[in-house]
PDB file of N, CA and C in Angstrom:
ATOM      1  N   MET A   1     123.698 157.039  65.254  1.00  0.00           N
ATOM      2  CA  MET A   1     123.691 157.778  66.606  1.00  0.00           C
ATOM      3  C   MET A   1     123.966 156.750  67.731  1.00  0.00           C
ATOM      4  N   ARG A   2     124.852 157.411  68.678  1.00  0.00           N
ATOM      5  CA  ARG A   2     125.220 156.385  69.847  1.00  0.00           C
ATOM      6  C   ARG A   2     124.257 156.754  71.279  1.00  0.00           C
ATOM      7  N   VAL A   3     123.564 155.967  71.627  1.00  0.00           N
ATOM      8  CA  VAL A   3     122.533 156.350  72.872  1.00  0.00           C
ATOM      9  C   VAL A   3     122.853 155.479  73.798  1.00  0.00           C
ATOM     10  N   ARG A   4     122.618 156.011  75.384  1.00  0.00           N
ATOM     11  CA  ARG A   4     122.977 154.977  76.628  1.00  0.00           C
ATOM     12  C   ARG A   4     121.284 154.777  76.764  1.00  0.00           C
ATOM     13  N   LEU A   5     120.926 153.382  77.123  1.00  0.00           N
ATOM     14  CA  LEU A   5     119.494 153.139  77.328  1.00  0.00           C
ATOM     15  C   LEU A   5     119.215 153.789  79.033  1.00  0.00           C
ATOM     16  N   THR A   6     118.170 153.907  79.136  1.00  0.00           N
ATOM     17  CA  THR A   6     117.847 154.779  80.468  1.00  0.00           C
ATOM     18  C   THR A   6     116.781 153.688  81.248  1.00  0.00           C
ATOM     19  N   GLN A   7     116.433 152.465  80.371  1.00  0.00           N
ATOM     20  CA  GLN A   7     115.324 151.236  80.596  1.00  0.00           C
ATOM     21  C   GLN A   7     115.763 150.194  80.104  1.00  0.00           C
ATOM     22  N   SER A   8     115.763 148.958  80.554  1.00  0.00           N
ATOM     23  CA  SER A   8     115.878 147.708  79.809  1.00  0.00           C
ATOM     24  C   SER A   8     114.785 147.640  79.029  1.00  0.00           C
ATOM     25  N   LEU A   9     115.199 147.116  77.916  1.00  0.00           N
ATOM     26  CA  LEU A   9     114.066 146.710  76.588  1.00  0.00           C
ATOM     27  C   LEU A   9     113.882 144.972  76.625  1.00  0.00           C
ATOM     28  N   THR A  10     112.840 144.704  76.415  1.00  0.00           N
ATOM     29  CA  THR A  10     112.808 143.504  76.209  1.00  0.00           C
ATOM     30  C   THR A  10     112.673 143.063  74.632  1.00  0.00           C
ATOM     31  N   GLY A  11     113.338 141.573  74.281  1.00  0.00           N
ATOM     32  CA  GLY A  11     113.014 141.389  72.947  1.00  0.00           C
ATOM     33  C   GLY A  11     114.336 141.650  72.483  1.00  0.00           C
ATOM     34  N   PHE A  12     114.166 141.551  70.881  1.00  0.00           N
ATOM     35  CA  PHE A  12     115.736 141.416  70.333  1.00  0.00           C
ATOM     36  C   PHE A  12     115.573 142.571  69.354  1.00  0.00           C
ATOM     37  N   ARG A  13     116.600 143.068  68.860  1.00  0.00           N
ATOM     38  CA  ARG A  13     116.985 144.015  67.832  1.00  0.00           C
ATOM     39  C   ARG A  13     117.947 143.309  66.879  1.00  0.00           C
ATOM     40  N   ASP A  14     117.690 143.039  65.570  1.00  0.00           N
ATOM     41  CA  ASP A  14     118.145 142.194  64.676  1.00  0.00           C
ATOM     42  C   ASP A  14     119.022 140.886  64.906  1.00  0.00           C
ATOM     43  N   GLY A  15     117.809 140.364  65.763  1.00  0.00           N
ATOM     44  CA  GLY A  15     118.319 139.089  66.651  1.00  0.00           C
ATOM     45  C   GLY A  15     119.197 139.024  67.557  1.00  0.00           C
ATOM     46  N   ILE A  16     119.667 139.986  68.127  1.00  0.00           N
ATOM     47  CA  ILE A  16     120.324 140.204  69.376  1.00  0.00           C
ATOM     48  C   ILE A  16     119.683 140.726  70.377  1.00  0.00           C
ATOM     49  N   ALA A  17     119.459 140.336  71.735  1.00  0.00           N
ATOM     50  CA  ALA A  17     119.085 140.862  72.518  1.00  0.00           C
ATOM     51  C   ALA A  17     119.757 142.390  72.912  1.00  0.00           C
ATOM     52  N   TRP A  18     118.644 143.215  73.232  1.00  0.00           N
ATOM     53  CA  TRP A  18     119.216 144.374  73.453  1.00  0.00           C
ATOM     54  C   TRP A  18     119.882 144.581  74.976  1.00  0.00           C
ATOM     55  N   PRO A  19     121.049 145.876  74.647  1.00  0.00           N
ATOM     56  CA  PRO A  19     121.662 145.719  76.199  1.00  0.00           C
ATOM     57  C   PRO A  19     121.010 146.073  77.109  1.00  0.00           C
ATOM     58  N   GLU A  20     121.330 145.983  78.414  1.00  0.00           N
ATOM     59  CA  GLU A  20     121.117 146.181  79.671  1.00  0.00           C
ATOM     60  C   GLU A  20     120.909 148.050  79.658  1.00  0.00           C
ATOM     61  N   ALA A  21     119.903 148.307  80.578  1.00  0.00           N
ATOM     62  CA  ALA A  21     119.775 149.929  81.061  1.00  0.00           C
ATOM     63  C   ALA A  21     121.288 150.174  81.428  1.00  0.00           C
ATOM     64  N   GLY A  22     121.634 151.529  81.094  1.00  0.00           N
ATOM     65  CA  GLY A  22     122.803 152.036  81.256  1.00  0.00           C
ATOM     66  C   GLY A  22     123.993 151.984  80.409  1.00  0.00           C
ATOM     67  N   GLN A  23     123.696 150.518  79.235  1.00  0.00           N
ATOM     68  CA  GLN A  23     124.960 150.376  78.305  1.00  0.00           C
ATOM     69  C   GLN A  23     124.617 151.133  76.991  1.00  0.00           C
ATOM     70  N   GLU A  24     125.341 151.285  76.417  1.00  0.00           N
ATOM     71  CA  GLU A  24     125.294 152.189  74.938  1.00  0.00           C
ATOM     72  C   GLU A  24     125.398 151.046  73.836  1.00  0.00           C
ATOM     73  N   ILE A  25     124.905 151.983  72.718  1.00  0.00           N
ATOM     74  CA  ILE A  25     124.327 151.149  71.410  1.00  0.00           C
ATOM     75  C   ILE A  25     124.181 152.131  70.485  1.00  0.00           C
ATOM     76  N   GLU A  26     125.077 151.457  69.074  1.00  0.00           N
ATOM     77  CA  GLU A  26     124.792 152.582  68.119  1.00  0.00           C
ATOM     78  C   GLU A  26     123.468 152.206  67.213  1.00  0.00           C
ATOM     79  N   LEU A  27     122.668 152.989  66.769  1.00  0.00           N
ATOM     80  CA  LEU A  27     121.692 152.867  66.166  1.00  0.00           C
ATOM     81  C   LEU A  27     121.503 154.081  65.182  1.00  0.00           C
ATOM     82  N   PRO A  28     120.780 153.774  64.266  1.00  0.00           N
ATOM     83  CA  PRO A  28     120.329 154.748  63.005  1.00  0.00           C
ATOM     84  C   PRO A  28     119.676 155.718  63.658  1.00  0.00           C
ATOM     85  N   ASP A  29     119.823 157.035  63.270  1.00  0.00           N
ATOM     86  CA  ASP A  29     119.459 158.253  63.791  1.00  0.00           C
ATOM     87  C   ASP A  29     118.055 158.041  63.929  1.00  0.00           C
ATOM     88  N   TRP A  30     116.956 157.638  62.964  1.00  0.00           N
ATOM     89  CA  TRP A  30     115.605 157.811  63.431  1.00  0.00           C
ATOM     90  C   TRP A  30     115.050 156.474  64.237  1.00  0.00           C
ATOM     91  N   GLU A  31     115.828 155.349  64.784  1.00  0.00           N
ATOM     92  CA  GLU A  31     115.626 154.779  65.733  1.00  0.00           C
ATOM     93  C   GLU A  31     115.813 155.158  67.039  1.00  0.00           C
ATOM     94  N   ALA A  32     117.299 155.766  66.979  1.00  0.00           N
ATOM     95  CA  ALA A  32     117.620 156.544  68.476  1.00  0.00           C
ATOM     96  C   ALA A  32     116.929 157.687  68.599  1.00  0.00           C
ATOM     97  N   GLU A  33     116.416 158.245  67.472  1.00  0.00           N
ATOM     98  CA  GLU A  33     115.533 159.656  68.363  1.00  0.00           C
ATOM     99  C   GLU A  33     114.230 159.258  68.501  1.00  0.00           C
ATOM    100  N   ASN A  34     113.656 158.285  68.148  1.00  0.00           N
ATOM    101  CA  ASN A  34     112.353 157.739  68.651  1.00  0.00           C
ATOM    102  C   ASN A  34     112.583 157.114  70.046  1.00  0.00           C
ATOM    103  N   LEU A  35     113.543 156.248  70.423  1.00  0.00           N
ATOM    104  CA  LEU A  35     114.155 155.969  71.699  1.00  0.00           C
ATOM    105  C   LEU A  35     114.198 156.936  72.777  1.00  0.00           C
ATOM    106  N   ILE A  36     114.815 158.084  72.287  1.00  0.00           N
ATOM    107  CA  ILE A  36     115.058 159.556  72.939  1.00  0.00           C
ATOM    108  C   ILE A  36     113.797 160.011  73.358  1.00  0.00           C
ATOM    109  N   GLY A  37     112.868 160.059  72.131  1.00  0.00           N
ATOM    110  CA  GLY A  37     111.636 160.913  72.481  1.00  0.00           C
ATOM    111  C   GLY A  37     110.585 160.250  73.647  1.00  0.00           C
ATOM    112  N   VAL A  38     110.536 158.916  73.557  1.00  0.00           N
ATOM    113  CA  VAL A  38     109.914 158.288  74.485  1.00  0.00           C
ATOM    114  C   VAL A  38     110.429 158.203  75.870  1.00  0.00           C
ATOM    115  N   GLY A  39     111.624 158.523  76.385  1.00  0.00           N
ATOM    116  CA  GLY A  39     112.474 158.289  77.307  1.00  0.00           C
ATOM    117  C   GLY A  39     113.188 157.256  77.569  1.00  0.00           C
ATOM    118  N   TYR A  40     113.362 156.395  76.685  1.00  0.00           N
ATOM    119  CA  TYR A  40     113.939 155.225  76.872  1.00  0.00           C
ATOM    120  C   TYR A  40     115.357 155.084  76.713  1.00  0.00           C
ATOM    121  N   ALA A  41     115.881 156.453  75.900  1.00  0.00           N
ATOM    122  CA  ALA A  41     117.503 156.406  76.063  1.00  0.00           C
ATOM    123  C   ALA A  41     117.818 157.682  76.038  1.00  0.00           C
ATOM    124  N   LYS A  42     119.040 158.045  76.292  1.00  0.00           N
ATOM    125  CA  LYS A  42     119.701 159.715  75.890  1.00  0.00           C
ATOM    126  C   LYS A  42     120.861 159.635  74.937  1.00  0.00           C
ATOM    127  N   ALA A  43     120.933 160.734  74.322  1.00  0.00           N
ATOM    128  CA  ALA A  43     122.142 160.654  73.297  1.00  0.00           C
ATOM    129  C   ALA A  43     123.397 160.847  74.070  1.00  0.00           C
ATOM    130  N   VAL A  44     124.537 160.332  73.303  1.00  0.00           N
ATOM    131  CA  VAL A  44     125.751 160.267  73.770  1.00  0.00           C
ATOM    132  C   VAL A  44     126.636 160.842  72.806  1.00  0.00           C
ATOM    133  N   ALA A  45     127.372 161.947  73.383  1.00  0.00           N
ATOM    134  CA  ALA A  45     128.353 162.420  72.440  1.00  0.00           C
ATOM    135  C   ALA A  45     129.399 161.534  72.612  1.00  0.00           C
ATOM    136  N   ASP A  46     130.275 161.105  71.421  1.00  0.00           N
ATOM    137  CA  ASP A  46     131.032 160.193  71.498  1.00  0.00           C
ATOM    138  C   ASP A  46     132.321 160.528  70.605  1.00  0.00           C
ATOM    139  N   GLU A  47     133.503 160.381  71.054  1.00  0.00           N
ATOM    140  CA  GLU A  47     134.318 160.611  70.098  1.00  0.00           C
ATOM    141  C   GLU A  47     135.175 159.496  69.914  1.00  0.00           C
ATOM    142  N   HIS A  48     135.260 158.867  68.870  1.00  0.00           N
ATOM    143  CA  HIS A  48     136.261 157.710  68.387  1.00  0.00           C
ATOM    144  C   HIS A  48     137.345 158.154  67.413  1.00  0.00           C
ATOM    145  N   VAL A  49     138.249 156.683  67.484  1.00  0.00           N
ATOM    146  CA  VAL A  49     139.190 156.743  66.818  1.00  0.00           C
ATOM    147  C   VAL A  49     139.428 155.482  66.488  1.00  0.00           C
ATOM    148  N   GLU A  50     139.474 155.000  65.170  1.00  0.00           N
ATOM    149  CA  GLU A  50     139.381 153.674  64.621  1.00  0.00           C
ATOM    150  C   GLU A  50     140.609 153.138  64.917  1.00  0.00           C
ATOM    151  N   THR A  51     140.743 151.675  65.230  1.00  0.00           N
ATOM    152  CA  THR A  51     142.130 150.989  65.391  1.00  0.00           C
ATOM    153  C   THR A  51     142.190 149.904  64.573  1.00  0.00           C
ATOM    154  N   PRO A  52     143.144 149.983  63.765  1.00  0.00           N
ATOM    155  CA  PRO A  52     143.499 149.038  62.670  1.00  0.00           C
ATOM    156  C   PRO A  52     143.584 147.578  63.048  1.00  0.00           C
ATOM    157  N   GLU A  53     144.071 147.341  64.450  1.00  0.00           N
ATOM    158  CA  GLU A  53     144.046 145.920  64.886  1.00  0.00           C
ATOM    159  C   GLU A  53     142.870 145.179  64.890  1.00  0.00           C
ATOM    160  N   ASP A  54     141.866 145.859  65.483  1.00  0.00           N
ATOM    161  CA  ASP A  54     140.757 144.963  65.609  1.00  0.00           C
ATOM    162  C   ASP A  54     139.618 145.321  64.975  1.00  0.00           C
ATOM    163  N   GLY A  55     139.746 146.485  64.112  1.00  0.00           N
ATOM    164  CA  GLY A  55     138.408 146.983  63.596  1.00  0.00           C
ATOM    165  C   GLY A  55     137.584 147.732  64.585  1.00  0.00           C
ATOM    166  N   GLY A  56     137.497 147.820  65.693  1.00  0.00           N
ATOM    167  CA  GLY A  56     136.697 148.349  66.505  1.00  0.00           C
ATOM    168  C   GLY A  56     137.027 149.901  66.714  1.00  0.00           C
ATOM    169  N   GLU A  57     136.525 150.523  67.535  1.00  0.00           N
ATOM    170  CA  GLU A  57     136.849 152.064  67.926  1.00  0.00           C
ATOM    171  C   GLU A  57     136.765 152.359  69.242  1.00  0.00           C
ATOM    172  N   ILE A  58     137.523 153.145  69.625  1.00  0.00           N
ATOM    173  CA  ILE A  58     137.515 153.617  71.213  1.00  0.00           C
ATOM    174  C   ILE A  58     136.785 154.869  71.456  1.00  0.00           C
ATOM    175  N   VAL A  59     135.602 154.679  72.014  1.00  0.00           N
ATOM    176  CA  VAL A  59     134.469 155.550  72.345  1.00  0.00           C
ATOM    177  C   VAL A  59     134.562 156.244  73.782  1.00  0.00           C
ATOM    178  N   ALA A  60     135.014 157.536  73.581  1.00  0.00           N
ATOM    179  CA  ALA A  60     135.105 158.122  75.171  1.00  0.00           C
ATOM    180  C   ALA A  60     134.038 158.041  75.789  1.00  0.00           C
ATOM    181  N   ALA A  61     133.771 158.107  77.306  1.00  0.00           N
ATOM    182  CA  ALA A  61     132.609 158.032  78.131  1.00  0.00           C
ATOM    183  C   ALA A  61     132.466 159.329  78.378  1.00  0.00           C
ATOM    184  N   SER A  62     131.189 159.724  78.476  1.00  0.00           N
ATOM    185  CA  SER A  62     130.706 160.991  78.925  1.00  0.00           C
ATOM    186  C   SER A  62     130.808 161.552  80.128  1.00  0.00           C
ATOM    187  N   GLY A  63     130.941 162.507  80.633  1.00  0.00           N
ATOM    188  CA  GLY A  63     131.352 162.815  82.154  1.00  0.00           C
ATOM    189  C   GLY A  63     130.406 163.409  82.746  1.00  0.00           C
ATOM    190  N   GLY A  64     129.153 162.773  82.507  1.00  0.00           N
ATOM    191  CA  GLY A  64     127.620 162.920  83.175  1.00  0.00           C
ATOM    192  C   GLY A  64     127.729 162.386  84.612  1.00  0.00           C
ATOM    193  N   ALA A  65     126.856 162.727  85.462  1.00  0.00           N
ATOM    194  CA  ALA A  65     126.635 162.415  86.941  1.00  0.00           C
ATOM    195  C   ALA A  65     126.534 160.921  87.005  1.00  0.00           C
ATOM    196  N   GLY A  66     127.239 159.977  87.791  1.00  0.00           N
ATOM    197  CA  GLY A  66     127.161 158.934  87.555  1.00  0.00           C
ATOM    198  C   GLY A  66     128.003 158.055  87.004  1.00  0.00           C
ATOM    199  N   ASP A  67     128.835 158.738  85.804  1.00  0.00           N
ATOM    200  CA  ASP A  67     129.497 158.176  85.138  1.00  0.00           C
ATOM    201  C   ASP A  67     130.896 157.917  85.296  1.00  0.00           C
ATOM    202  N   ASP A  68     131.755 156.644  85.080  1.00  0.00           N
ATOM    203  CA  ASP A  68     133.089 156.628  85.249  1.00  0.00           C
ATOM    204  C   ASP A  68     133.676 157.439  84.039  1.00  0.00           C
ATOM    205  N   ALA A  69     134.685 158.118  84.512  1.00  0.00           N
ATOM    206  CA  ALA A  69     135.721 159.040  83.245  1.00  0.00           C
ATOM    207  C   ALA A  69     136.335 158.160  82.832  1.00  0.00           C
ATOM    208  N   GLY A  70     136.678 157.990  81.497  1.00  0.00           N
ATOM    209  CA  GLY A  70     137.345 157.237  80.597  1.00  0.00           C
ATOM    210  C   GLY A  70     136.940 156.741  79.349  1.00  0.00           C
ATOM    211  N   SER A  71     137.332 155.733  78.779  1.00  0.00           N
ATOM    212  CA  SER A  71     136.980 155.404  77.790  1.00  0.00           C
ATOM    213  C   SER A  71     136.847 153.624  77.471  1.00  0.00           C
ATOM    214  N   GLU A  72     135.897 153.351  76.727  1.00  0.00           N
ATOM    215  CA  GLU A  72     135.940 151.732  76.591  1.00  0.00           C
ATOM    216  C   GLU A  72     136.048 151.391  75.347  1.00  0.00           C
ATOM    217  N   ALA A  73     136.377 150.167  74.914  1.00  0.00           N
ATOM    218  CA  ALA A  73     136.285 149.740  73.608  1.00  0.00           C
ATOM    219  C   ALA A  73     135.039 149.241  73.118  1.00  0.00           C
ATOM    220  N   ALA A  74     134.698 149.458  71.958  1.00  0.00           N
ATOM    221  CA  ALA A  74     133.659 149.433  71.573  1.00  0.00           C
ATOM    222  C   ALA A  74     133.715 148.273  69.899  1.00  0.00           C
ATOM    223  N   LEU A  75     132.997 147.332  69.770  1.00  0.00           N
ATOM    224  CA  LEU A  75     133.234 146.557  68.517  1.00  0.00           C
ATOM    225  C   LEU A  75     132.419 147.347  67.350  1.00  0.00           C
ATOM    226  N   PRO A  76     132.784 147.395  66.313  1.00  0.00           N
ATOM    227  CA  PRO A  76     131.940 148.150  65.192  1.00  0.00           C
ATOM    228  C   PRO A  76     130.464 147.651  65.188  1.00  0.00           C
ATOM    229  N   ALA A  77     129.523 148.742  64.689  1.00  0.00           N
ATOM    230  CA  ALA A  77     128.054 148.154  64.660  1.00  0.00           C
ATOM    231  C   ALA A  77     127.835 147.021  63.462  1.00  0.00           C
ATOM    232  N   ASP A  78     126.994 146.169  63.801  1.00  0.00           N
ATOM    233  CA  ASP A  78     126.605 145.171  63.167  1.00  0.00           C
ATOM    234  C   ASP A  78     126.071 145.545  61.919  1.00  0.00           C
ATOM    235  N   SER A  79     126.771 145.248  60.507  1.00  0.00           N
ATOM    236  CA  SER A  79     126.103 145.882  59.501  1.00  0.00           C
ATOM    237  C   SER A  79     125.639 144.785  58.468  1.00  0.00           C
ATOM    238  N   GLY A  80     125.454 143.755  59.145  1.00  0.00           N
ATOM    239  CA  GLY A  80     124.984 142.686  58.318  1.00  0.00           C
ATOM    240  C   GLY A  80     125.911 141.246  58.212  1.00  0.00           C
ATOM    241  N   PRO A  81     125.907 140.630  57.474  1.00  0.00           N
ATOM    242  CA  PRO A  81     126.573 139.540  57.165  1.00  0.00           C
ATOM    243  C   PRO A  81     128.037 139.826  57.048  1.00  0.00           C
ATOM    244  N   ALA A  82     128.967 138.868  57.610  1.00  0.00           N
ATOM    245  CA  ALA A  82     130.360 138.968  57.230  1.00  0.00           C
ATOM    246  C   ALA A  82     130.615 138.590  55.824  1.00  0.00           C
ATOM    247  N   PRO A  83     131.768 138.928  55.412  1.00  0.00           N
ATOM    248  CA  PRO A  83     132.030 138.484  54.069  1.00  0.00           C
ATOM    249  C   PRO A  83     132.171 137.191  53.951  1.00  0.00           C
ATOM    250  N   ASP A  84     132.250 136.143  54.925  1.00  0.00           N
ATOM    251  CA  ASP A  84     132.230 134.720  54.522  1.00  0.00           C
ATOM    252  C   ASP A  84     130.780 134.292  54.846  1.00  0.00           C
ATOM    253  N   GLY A  85     129.570 135.318  54.889  1.00  0.00           N
ATOM    254  CA  GLY A  85     128.009 134.796  55.110  1.00  0.00           C
ATOM    255  C   GLY A  85     127.355 134.808  56.248  1.00  0.00           C
ATOM    256  N   LYS A  86     128.464 134.584  57.426  1.00  0.00           N
ATOM    257  CA  LYS A  86     128.130 134.267  58.851  1.00  0.00           C
ATOM    258  C   LYS A  86     127.994 135.944  59.366  1.00  0.00           C
ATOM    259  N   ARG A  87     126.662 135.905  60.018  1.00  0.00           N
ATOM    260  CA  ARG A  87     126.160 137.147  60.872  1.00  0.00           C
ATOM    261  C   ARG A  87     127.378 137.163  62.125  1.00  0.00           C
ATOM    262  N   THR A  88     127.650 138.623  62.431  1.00  0.00           N
ATOM    263  CA  THR A  88     128.650 138.570  63.366  1.00  0.00           C
ATOM    264  C   THR A  88     127.962 139.204  64.755  1.00  0.00           C
ATOM    265  N   ARG A  89     128.091 138.924  65.682  1.00  0.00           N
ATOM    266  CA  ARG A  89     127.195 139.274  67.065  1.00  0.00           C
ATOM    267  C   ARG A  89     128.039 140.358  67.617  1.00  0.00           C
ATOM    268  N   ARG A  90     127.476 141.458  68.508  1.00  0.00           N
ATOM    269  CA  ARG A  90     127.981 142.456  68.675  1.00  0.00           C
ATOM    270  C   ARG A  90     127.647 142.148  70.443  1.00  0.00           C
ATOM    271  N   GLU A  91     128.826 142.105  71.041  1.00  0.00           N
ATOM    272  CA  GLU A  91     128.896 142.378  72.247  1.00  0.00           C
ATOM    273  C   GLU A  91     128.974 143.773  72.902  1.00  0.00           C
ATOM    274  N   ALA A  92     128.270 144.137  74.020  1.00  0.00           N
ATOM    275  CA  ALA A  92     128.094 145.587  74.543  1.00  0.00           C
ATOM    276  C   ALA A  92     128.999 145.252  75.691  1.00  0.00           C
TER     277      ALA A  92
END
């Protein structure tokens, strides 16, 4: 589930620092629901299209108050080690 953080979180998730407040991140449903439940995040309705060039996806920005309309490129979620055994880092 894709969420937008409403607060800055300290620490790391899977060895990578949390994105800043206002930025989006893809999380497992249970983790996203926990953050939404305590008010640290809001669900984002996303429409995405796979792009074969870079393996990423295009994520449409929601049209809520204070948001810029449009879309942004997002990297695929970090799902573990890359085929060469190195971990990839996801930049938001």
